[in-house]
Amino acid sequence: MKKDRVPALVNIGFGNVVSVSRVIAIVTPGSAPMKRLRDEARKRGKLVDATEGRRTRSIIVTDSDHVILSALQPETITQRFGGENQDERV
């Protein structure tokens, strides 16, 4: 019998979650190239703002070309990814 696989999700702040398998990169928003990436995603309609009005501390890039803004530090999100992956290995 085929077992249904539930996609692994990680919390990116304020109850918002992202599929672990879809994330390509988590970057800091301070550099000029990252600001351009954000602006271009906004123009294409591919920007998702998950900051709840707070300061953007990380930018998540997905394989579907979406750009997600989060108020959490990249290190915090990375640690949460590590916790998800560790659960799967056991």
C-alpha atoms as a PDB file:
ATOM      1  CA  MET A   1       0.000   0.000   0.000  1.00  0.00           C
ATOM      2  CA  LYS A   2       1.276   3.466  -0.888  1.00  0.00           C
ATOM      3  CA  LYS A   3       1.780   5.737   2.104  1.00  0.00           C
ATOM      4  CA  ASP A   4       0.775   9.399   1.713  1.00  0.00           C
ATOM      5  CA  ARG A   5       3.749  11.687   2.271  1.00  0.00           C
ATOM      6  CA  VAL A   6       3.125  14.867   4.180  1.00  0.00           C
ATOM      7  CA  PRO A   7       5.423  17.674   3.016  1.00  0.00           C
ATOM      8  CA  ALA A   8       7.864  18.852   5.682  1.00  0.00           C
ATOM      9  CA  LEU A   9       7.013  22.417   6.688  1.00  0.00           C
ATOM     10  CA  VAL A  10       9.102  24.915   8.628  1.00  0.00           C
ATOM     11  CA  ASN A  11       7.779  27.917  10.554  1.00  0.00           C
ATOM     12  CA  ILE A  12       9.135  31.218   9.195  1.00  0.00           C
ATOM     13  CA  GLY A  13       7.444  33.358  11.834  1.00  0.00           C
ATOM     14  CA  PHE A  14       3.963  34.402  12.950  1.00  0.00           C
ATOM     15  CA  GLY A  15       2.432  31.042  12.088  1.00  0.00           C
ATOM     16  CA  ASN A  16       3.587  31.166   8.460  1.00  0.00           C
ATOM     17  CA  VAL A  17       5.183  28.005   7.085  1.00  0.00           C
ATOM     18  CA  VAL A  18       7.169  27.060   3.983  1.00  0.00           C
ATOM     19  CA  SER A  19       7.685  23.654   2.402  1.00  0.00           C
ATOM     20  CA  VAL A  20      11.245  22.532   3.149  1.00  0.00           C
ATOM     21  CA  SER A  21      11.621  20.816  -0.212  1.00  0.00           C
ATOM     22  CA  ARG A  22      10.816  24.013  -2.148  1.00  0.00           C
ATOM     23  CA  VAL A  23      13.440  26.304  -0.553  1.00  0.00           C
ATOM     24  CA  ILE A  24      16.566  27.050  -2.577  1.00  0.00           C
ATOM     25  CA  ALA A  25      18.201  29.760  -0.434  1.00  0.00           C
ATOM     26  CA  ILE A  26      17.805  31.851   2.704  1.00  0.00           C
ATOM     27  CA  VAL A  27      19.696  35.144   2.462  1.00  0.00           C
ATOM     28  CA  THR A  28      20.068  38.426   4.331  1.00  0.00           C
ATOM     29  CA  PRO A  29      18.277  41.394   2.748  1.00  0.00           C
ATOM     30  CA  GLY A  30      20.941  44.085   3.149  1.00  0.00           C
ATOM     31  CA  SER A  31      22.876  43.907  -0.106  1.00  0.00           C
ATOM     32  CA  ALA A  32      21.951  45.701  -3.318  1.00  0.00           C
ATOM     33  CA  PRO A  33      21.444  42.443  -5.292  1.00  0.00           C
ATOM     34  CA  MET A  34      18.965  41.208  -2.674  1.00  0.00           C
ATOM     35  CA  LYS A  35      17.080  44.507  -2.823  1.00  0.00           C
ATOM     36  CA  ARG A  36      16.880  44.131  -6.611  1.00  0.00           C
ATOM     37  CA  LEU A  37      15.681  40.543  -6.199  1.00  0.00           C
ATOM     38  CA  ARG A  38      12.900  41.749  -3.880  1.00  0.00           C
ATOM     39  CA  ASP A  39      11.885  44.586  -6.231  1.00  0.00           C
ATOM     40  CA  GLU A  40      11.836  42.332  -9.301  1.00  0.00           C
ATOM     41  CA  ALA A  41       9.746  39.717  -7.473  1.00  0.00           C
ATOM     42  CA  ARG A  42       7.268  42.422  -6.472  1.00  0.00           C
ATOM     43  CA  LYS A  43       6.946  43.543 -10.118  1.00  0.00           C
ATOM     44  CA  ARG A  44       6.364  39.940 -11.278  1.00  0.00           C
ATOM     45  CA  GLY A  45       3.805  39.266  -8.529  1.00  0.00           C
ATOM     46  CA  LYS A  46       6.036  36.615  -6.932  1.00  0.00           C
ATOM     47  CA  LEU A  47       6.708  38.381  -3.611  1.00  0.00           C
ATOM     48  CA  VAL A  48       5.197  36.988  -0.402  1.00  0.00           C
ATOM     49  CA  ASP A  49       5.530  39.256   2.643  1.00  0.00           C
ATOM     50  CA  ALA A  50       5.351  37.166   5.824  1.00  0.00           C
ATOM     51  CA  THR A  51       6.828  39.858   8.107  1.00  0.00           C
ATOM     52  CA  GLU A  52       3.524  41.024   9.660  1.00  0.00           C
ATOM     53  CA  GLY A  53       4.734  44.616   9.238  1.00  0.00           C
ATOM     54  CA  ARG A  54       8.045  44.059  10.975  1.00  0.00           C
ATOM     55  CA  ARG A  55      11.535  44.586   9.614  1.00  0.00           C
ATOM     56  CA  THR A  56      12.658  42.074   6.968  1.00  0.00           C
ATOM     57  CA  ARG A  57      15.551  40.046   8.353  1.00  0.00           C
ATOM     58  CA  SER A  58      15.694  37.248   5.780  1.00  0.00           C
ATOM     59  CA  ILE A  59      14.674  36.531   2.217  1.00  0.00           C
ATOM     60  CA  ILE A  60      13.687  33.003   1.241  1.00  0.00           C
ATOM     61  CA  VAL A  61      13.976  32.007  -2.422  1.00  0.00           C
ATOM     62  CA  THR A  62      11.943  29.028  -3.657  1.00  0.00           C
ATOM     63  CA  ASP A  63      12.231  26.767  -6.682  1.00  0.00           C
ATOM     64  CA  SER A  64       8.965  28.240  -8.025  1.00  0.00           C
ATOM     65  CA  ASP A  65      10.733  31.628  -8.284  1.00  0.00           C
ATOM     66  CA  HIS A  66       8.784  33.057  -5.347  1.00  0.00           C
ATOM     67  CA  VAL A  67      10.566  35.376  -2.919  1.00  0.00           C
ATOM     68  CA  ILE A  68       9.349  35.234   0.682  1.00  0.00           C
ATOM     69  CA  LEU A  69      10.186  37.910   3.248  1.00  0.00           C
ATOM     70  CA  SER A  70      10.505  36.893   6.899  1.00  0.00           C
ATOM     71  CA  ALA A  71      11.089  38.827  10.105  1.00  0.00           C
ATOM     72  CA  LEU A  72      13.250  35.999  11.483  1.00  0.00           C
ATOM     73  CA  GLN A  73      17.033  35.884  11.192  1.00  0.00           C
ATOM     74  CA  PRO A  74      18.396  33.455   8.564  1.00  0.00           C
ATOM     75  CA  GLU A  75      20.206  31.559  11.349  1.00  0.00           C
ATOM     76  CA  THR A  76      16.921  30.990  13.202  1.00  0.00           C
ATOM     77  CA  ILE A  77      15.197  29.639  10.103  1.00  0.00           C
ATOM     78  CA  THR A  78      18.213  27.450   9.314  1.00  0.00           C
ATOM     79  CA  GLN A  79      18.091  25.968  12.827  1.00  0.00           C
ATOM     80  CA  ARG A  80      14.418  25.184  12.339  1.00  0.00           C
ATOM     81  CA  PHE A  81      15.267  23.433   9.064  1.00  0.00           C
ATOM     82  CA  GLY A  82      17.854  21.391  10.951  1.00  0.00           C
ATOM     83  CA  GLY A  83      15.276  20.325  13.502  1.00  0.00           C
ATOM     84  CA  GLU A  84      12.885  19.202  10.764  1.00  0.00           C
ATOM     85  CA  ASN A  85      15.566  17.225   8.960  1.00  0.00           C
ATOM     86  CA  GLN A  86      16.783  15.558  12.139  1.00  0.00           C
ATOM     87  CA  ASP A  87      13.260  14.284  12.848  1.00  0.00           C
ATOM     88  CA  GLU A  88      13.093  12.709   9.384  1.00  0.00           C
ATOM     89  CA  ARG A  89      16.425  10.862   9.801  1.00  0.00           C
ATOM     90  CA  VAL A  90      15.388   9.084  12.996  1.00  0.00           C
END
